[in-house]
Amino acid sequence: LDPLKDSKAVVSTQSTGTLTAPDVFSAMEDMEFETFLDPLKDSLEAFRSEQNEAKERKAAKKREKEAAERAAGEGGTIEEGEESAAEDEEEEGEPQEPPPPGSPDVQ
């Protein structure tokens, strides 16, 4: 009674060789674990929704950055102290360089 083994058996009969969620669901049904299917499907749907939202946020930030770069290239300027959210994100992810040897550590 191994759902993974049953799922792999389904995959081995398919040409893709990839184990998918429906394969697992089918194996769970075959093993009479239907009580777990609805919560598992709900969790999978929530996970996929979160992933799509994150992808959309990333794409929106990229579009915003590209628009700011186009505006700057066309003579538009970003006011002093104003930065786009995409630029903020990039700066947060960049490692800080240590001060050169012999210089005071100013923060």
N, C-alpha and C. Protein backbone atom coordinates (compact mmCIF):
# COMPACT_ATOMS: atom_id res chain seq x y z
N LEU A 1 0.83 -1.20 0.00
CA LEU A 1 0.00 0.00 0.00
C LEU A 1 0.87 1.26 0.00
N ASP A 2 1.62 1.42 -1.05
CA ASP A 2 2.51 2.56 -1.20
C ASP A 2 1.99 3.45 -2.32
N PRO A 3 1.44 4.64 -1.98
CA PRO A 3 0.87 5.49 -3.03
C PRO A 3 1.92 5.94 -4.05
N LEU A 4 3.15 6.14 -3.60
CA LEU A 4 4.19 6.56 -4.52
C LEU A 4 4.50 5.45 -5.51
N LYS A 5 4.54 4.23 -5.03
CA LYS A 5 4.79 3.08 -5.90
C LYS A 5 3.67 2.95 -6.93
N ASP A 6 2.42 3.10 -6.48
CA ASP A 6 1.29 3.04 -7.41
C ASP A 6 1.34 4.16 -8.44
N SER A 7 1.74 5.36 -8.00
CA SER A 7 1.84 6.49 -8.91
C SER A 7 2.94 6.25 -9.93
N LYS A 8 4.05 5.68 -9.47
CA LYS A 8 5.15 5.39 -10.39
C LYS A 8 4.72 4.34 -11.41
N ALA A 9 3.87 3.41 -11.01
CA ALA A 9 3.37 2.40 -11.95
C ALA A 9 2.55 3.06 -13.04
N VAL A 10 1.76 4.06 -12.68
CA VAL A 10 0.97 4.80 -13.67
C VAL A 10 1.90 5.54 -14.61
N VAL A 11 2.93 6.17 -14.07
CA VAL A 11 3.87 6.93 -14.88
C VAL A 11 4.64 6.02 -15.82
N SER A 12 4.99 4.84 -15.35
CA SER A 12 5.77 3.94 -16.19
C SER A 12 4.98 3.50 -17.42
N THR A 13 3.66 3.53 -17.34
CA THR A 13 2.84 3.17 -18.50
C THR A 13 2.66 4.36 -19.45
N GLN A 14 2.98 5.56 -18.97
CA GLN A 14 2.88 6.75 -19.81
C GLN A 14 4.24 7.03 -20.45
N SER A 15 4.25 7.78 -21.50
CA SER A 15 5.50 8.08 -22.18
C SER A 15 6.25 9.25 -21.56
N THR A 16 5.59 10.05 -20.71
CA THR A 16 6.23 11.25 -20.19
C THR A 16 7.28 10.95 -19.14
N GLY A 17 7.02 9.97 -18.29
CA GLY A 17 7.95 9.66 -17.22
C GLY A 17 7.91 10.66 -16.08
N THR A 18 6.93 11.52 -16.07
CA THR A 18 6.80 12.54 -15.03
C THR A 18 5.62 12.21 -14.13
N LEU A 19 5.86 12.25 -12.84
CA LEU A 19 4.81 12.01 -11.86
C LEU A 19 4.07 13.33 -11.62
N THR A 20 2.77 13.35 -11.87
CA THR A 20 1.98 14.58 -11.72
C THR A 20 0.98 14.42 -10.58
N ALA A 21 0.39 15.53 -10.20
CA ALA A 21 -0.60 15.51 -9.12
C ALA A 21 -1.76 14.56 -9.43
N PRO A 22 -2.32 14.57 -10.63
CA PRO A 22 -3.40 13.63 -10.92
C PRO A 22 -2.98 12.16 -10.77
N ASP A 23 -1.71 11.86 -11.06
CA ASP A 23 -1.22 10.50 -10.86
C ASP A 23 -1.28 10.11 -9.39
N VAL A 24 -0.88 11.04 -8.53
CA VAL A 24 -0.91 10.78 -7.09
C VAL A 24 -2.35 10.66 -6.61
N PHE A 25 -3.22 11.55 -7.10
CA PHE A 25 -4.63 11.48 -6.70
C PHE A 25 -5.24 10.14 -7.10
N SER A 26 -4.93 9.70 -8.30
CA SER A 26 -5.45 8.42 -8.78
C SER A 26 -4.97 7.26 -7.90
N ALA A 27 -3.70 7.29 -7.55
CA ALA A 27 -3.16 6.23 -6.69
C ALA A 27 -3.82 6.27 -5.31
N MET A 28 -4.07 7.47 -4.80
CA MET A 28 -4.72 7.58 -3.49
C MET A 28 -6.14 7.02 -3.55
N GLU A 29 -6.84 7.28 -4.65
CA GLU A 29 -8.19 6.72 -4.81
C GLU A 29 -8.14 5.20 -4.87
N ASP A 30 -7.16 4.67 -5.61
CA ASP A 30 -7.03 3.22 -5.73
C ASP A 30 -6.77 2.57 -4.37
N MET A 31 -6.09 3.32 -3.49
CA MET A 31 -5.75 2.78 -2.18
C MET A 31 -6.79 3.14 -1.12
N GLU A 32 -7.91 3.72 -1.58
CA GLU A 32 -9.03 4.07 -0.71
C GLU A 32 -8.66 5.13 0.34
N PHE A 33 -7.90 6.13 -0.09
CA PHE A 33 -7.56 7.27 0.76
C PHE A 33 -8.32 8.51 0.31
N GLU A 34 -9.58 8.32 -0.10
CA GLU A 34 -10.37 9.43 -0.61
C GLU A 34 -10.55 10.55 0.40
N THR A 35 -10.52 10.22 1.69
CA THR A 35 -10.74 11.26 2.72
C THR A 35 -9.64 12.32 2.70
N PHE A 36 -8.47 11.97 2.16
CA PHE A 36 -7.37 12.92 2.12
C PHE A 36 -7.33 13.73 0.83
N LEU A 37 -8.10 13.33 -0.16
CA LEU A 37 -8.03 13.97 -1.46
C LEU A 37 -8.48 15.43 -1.46
N ASP A 38 -9.63 15.72 -0.87
CA ASP A 38 -10.12 17.10 -0.88
C ASP A 38 -9.16 18.06 -0.18
N PRO A 39 -8.68 17.74 1.05
CA PRO A 39 -7.73 18.67 1.67
C PRO A 39 -6.43 18.81 0.86
N LEU A 40 -5.98 17.70 0.26
CA LEU A 40 -4.76 17.75 -0.54
C LEU A 40 -4.97 18.61 -1.79
N LYS A 41 -6.10 18.45 -2.45
CA LYS A 41 -6.39 19.24 -3.64
C LYS A 41 -6.53 20.72 -3.29
N ASP A 42 -7.15 21.02 -2.14
CA ASP A 42 -7.29 22.41 -1.70
C ASP A 42 -5.92 23.03 -1.43
N SER A 43 -5.04 22.26 -0.79
CA SER A 43 -3.70 22.76 -0.50
C SER A 43 -2.91 22.99 -1.78
N LEU A 44 -3.05 22.08 -2.73
CA LEU A 44 -2.36 22.25 -4.01
C LEU A 44 -2.87 23.49 -4.74
N GLU A 45 -4.16 23.71 -4.72
CA GLU A 45 -4.74 24.89 -5.37
C GLU A 45 -4.24 26.17 -4.70
N ALA A 46 -4.18 26.18 -3.37
CA ALA A 46 -3.68 27.36 -2.65
C ALA A 46 -2.22 27.62 -2.98
N PHE A 47 -1.43 26.55 -3.04
CA PHE A 47 -0.01 26.69 -3.37
C PHE A 47 0.17 27.27 -4.76
N ARG A 48 -0.55 26.73 -5.72
CA ARG A 48 -0.43 27.22 -7.10
C ARG A 48 -0.88 28.67 -7.22
N SER A 49 -1.90 29.03 -6.47
CA SER A 49 -2.39 30.41 -6.48
C SER A 49 -1.32 31.36 -5.94
N GLU A 50 -0.67 30.97 -4.84
CA GLU A 50 0.39 31.79 -4.27
C GLU A 50 1.55 31.93 -5.24
N GLN A 51 1.91 30.85 -5.92
CA GLN A 51 2.99 30.89 -6.89
C GLN A 51 2.65 31.83 -8.05
N ASN A 52 1.42 31.78 -8.53
CA ASN A 52 1.00 32.67 -9.63
C ASN A 52 1.02 34.12 -9.20
N GLU A 53 0.58 34.40 -7.98
CA GLU A 53 0.58 35.77 -7.47
C GLU A 53 2.00 36.30 -7.36
N ALA A 54 2.91 35.46 -6.89
CA ALA A 54 4.31 35.88 -6.77
C ALA A 54 4.90 36.16 -8.15
N LYS A 55 4.56 35.32 -9.12
CA LYS A 55 5.05 35.51 -10.49
C LYS A 55 4.50 36.82 -11.06
N GLU A 56 3.23 37.11 -10.80
CA GLU A 56 2.62 38.35 -11.30
C GLU A 56 3.26 39.58 -10.66
N ARG A 57 3.55 39.50 -9.35
CA ARG A 57 4.21 40.63 -8.68
C ARG A 57 5.60 40.88 -9.28
N LYS A 58 6.33 39.81 -9.54
CA LYS A 58 7.66 39.94 -10.11
C LYS A 58 7.60 40.56 -11.50
N ALA A 59 6.63 40.11 -12.31
CA ALA A 59 6.48 40.66 -13.65
C ALA A 59 6.09 42.14 -13.60
N ALA A 60 5.24 42.51 -12.65
CA ALA A 60 4.83 43.91 -12.52
C ALA A 60 6.02 44.79 -12.13
N LYS A 61 6.86 44.30 -11.25
CA LYS A 61 8.05 45.05 -10.86
C LYS A 61 9.00 45.21 -12.03
N LYS A 62 9.11 44.15 -12.83
CA LYS A 62 9.99 44.22 -14.01
C LYS A 62 9.46 45.26 -15.00
N ARG A 63 8.13 45.24 -15.23
CA ARG A 63 7.54 46.22 -16.14
C ARG A 63 7.74 47.64 -15.61
N GLU A 64 7.60 47.81 -14.30
CA GLU A 64 7.77 49.12 -13.69
C GLU A 64 9.20 49.61 -13.87
N LYS A 65 10.15 48.73 -13.69
CA LYS A 65 11.56 49.09 -13.84
C LYS A 65 11.86 49.47 -15.29
N GLU A 66 11.34 48.66 -16.22
CA GLU A 66 11.56 48.95 -17.64
C GLU A 66 10.95 50.29 -18.03
N ALA A 67 9.78 50.60 -17.50
CA ALA A 67 9.13 51.87 -17.80
C ALA A 67 9.96 53.03 -17.24
N ALA A 68 10.52 52.85 -16.06
CA ALA A 68 11.35 53.90 -15.46
C ALA A 68 12.63 54.10 -16.28
N GLU A 69 13.19 53.00 -16.77
CA GLU A 69 14.40 53.10 -17.58
C GLU A 69 14.10 53.79 -18.91
N ARG A 70 12.94 53.47 -19.52
CA ARG A 70 12.55 54.13 -20.76
C ARG A 70 12.34 55.63 -20.54
N ALA A 71 11.69 55.95 -19.43
CA ALA A 71 11.44 57.37 -19.13
C ALA A 71 12.75 58.10 -18.92
N ALA A 72 13.70 57.46 -18.25
CA ALA A 72 14.99 58.10 -18.01
C ALA A 72 15.75 58.25 -19.32
N GLY A 73 15.62 57.27 -20.21
CA GLY A 73 16.29 57.35 -21.51
C GLY A 73 15.67 58.35 -22.44
N GLU A 74 14.42 58.70 -22.24
CA GLU A 74 13.72 59.66 -23.09
C GLU A 74 13.79 61.07 -22.53
N GLY A 75 14.65 61.26 -21.54
CA GLY A 75 14.79 62.59 -20.98
C GLY A 75 14.02 62.78 -19.70
N GLY A 76 13.21 61.83 -19.32
CA GLY A 76 12.50 61.91 -18.05
C GLY A 76 13.48 61.65 -16.91
N THR A 77 13.20 62.18 -15.79
CA THR A 77 14.08 61.95 -14.65
C THR A 77 13.28 61.46 -13.47
N ILE A 78 13.98 60.78 -12.61
CA ILE A 78 13.38 60.37 -11.35
C ILE A 78 13.84 61.38 -10.32
N GLU A 79 12.89 61.95 -9.64
CA GLU A 79 13.20 62.96 -8.64
C GLU A 79 14.17 62.41 -7.60
N GLU A 80 14.99 63.31 -7.04
CA GLU A 80 15.95 62.88 -6.03
C GLU A 80 15.20 62.27 -4.85
N GLY A 81 15.66 61.14 -4.41
CA GLY A 81 15.03 60.46 -3.28
C GLY A 81 13.94 59.49 -3.69
N GLU A 82 13.51 59.53 -4.96
CA GLU A 82 12.49 58.61 -5.43
C GLU A 82 13.15 57.46 -6.19
N GLU A 83 12.73 56.26 -5.85
CA GLU A 83 13.21 55.09 -6.57
C GLU A 83 12.03 54.17 -6.78
N SER A 84 12.10 53.39 -7.83
CA SER A 84 11.02 52.45 -8.07
C SER A 84 11.14 51.27 -7.12
N ALA A 85 10.04 50.55 -6.96
CA ALA A 85 10.04 49.36 -6.10
C ALA A 85 11.01 48.32 -6.62
N ALA A 86 11.17 48.22 -7.93
CA ALA A 86 12.09 47.24 -8.51
C ALA A 86 13.53 47.58 -8.14
N GLU A 87 13.87 48.88 -8.16
CA GLU A 87 15.22 49.27 -7.79
C GLU A 87 15.47 49.00 -6.31
N ASP A 88 14.48 49.24 -5.48
CA ASP A 88 14.60 48.94 -4.05
C ASP A 88 14.89 47.46 -3.85
N GLU A 89 14.18 46.61 -4.57
CA GLU A 89 14.35 45.17 -4.43
C GLU A 89 15.74 44.76 -4.86
N GLU A 90 16.23 45.34 -5.95
CA GLU A 90 17.57 45.00 -6.42
C GLU A 90 18.62 45.38 -5.39
N GLU A 91 18.49 46.57 -4.82
CA GLU A 91 19.47 47.01 -3.85
C GLU A 91 19.49 46.14 -2.61
N GLU A 92 18.33 45.66 -2.19
CA GLU A 92 18.26 44.82 -1.01
C GLU A 92 18.99 43.50 -1.24
N GLY A 93 18.96 42.99 -2.45
CA GLY A 93 19.54 41.70 -2.74
C GLY A 93 21.03 41.75 -3.01
N GLU A 94 21.61 42.95 -3.21
CA GLU A 94 23.02 43.07 -3.51
C GLU A 94 23.84 43.03 -2.23
N PRO A 95 24.93 42.26 -2.23
CA PRO A 95 25.78 42.23 -1.04
C PRO A 95 26.52 43.55 -0.89
N GLN A 96 26.73 43.97 0.32
CA GLN A 96 27.45 45.20 0.61
C GLN A 96 28.94 44.91 0.57
N GLU A 97 29.69 45.81 -0.07
CA GLU A 97 31.14 45.63 -0.11
C GLU A 97 31.72 46.15 1.19
N PRO A 98 32.73 45.45 1.72
CA PRO A 98 33.36 45.94 2.94
C PRO A 98 34.19 47.18 2.63
N PRO A 99 34.40 48.03 3.63
CA PRO A 99 35.20 49.24 3.38
C PRO A 99 36.65 48.82 3.09
N PRO A 100 37.37 49.65 2.33
CA PRO A 100 38.77 49.31 2.04
C PRO A 100 39.59 49.27 3.32
N PRO A 101 40.66 48.48 3.32
CA PRO A 101 41.50 48.40 4.53
C PRO A 101 42.06 49.76 4.89
N GLY A 102 42.06 50.06 6.16
CA GLY A 102 42.61 51.31 6.64
C GLY A 102 41.60 52.44 6.67
N SER A 103 40.41 52.28 6.12
CA SER A 103 39.42 53.35 6.13
C SER A 103 38.52 53.17 7.35
N PRO A 104 38.03 54.28 7.89
CA PRO A 104 37.12 54.16 9.05
C PRO A 104 35.80 53.53 8.62
N ASP A 105 35.24 52.72 9.47
CA ASP A 105 33.96 52.05 9.19
C ASP A 105 32.84 53.01 9.50
N VAL A 106 32.34 53.70 8.49
CA VAL A 106 31.29 54.70 8.66
C VAL A 106 29.95 54.10 8.26
N GLN A 107 28.92 54.30 9.09
CA GLN A 107 27.59 53.79 8.76
C GLN A 107 26.58 54.87 8.87
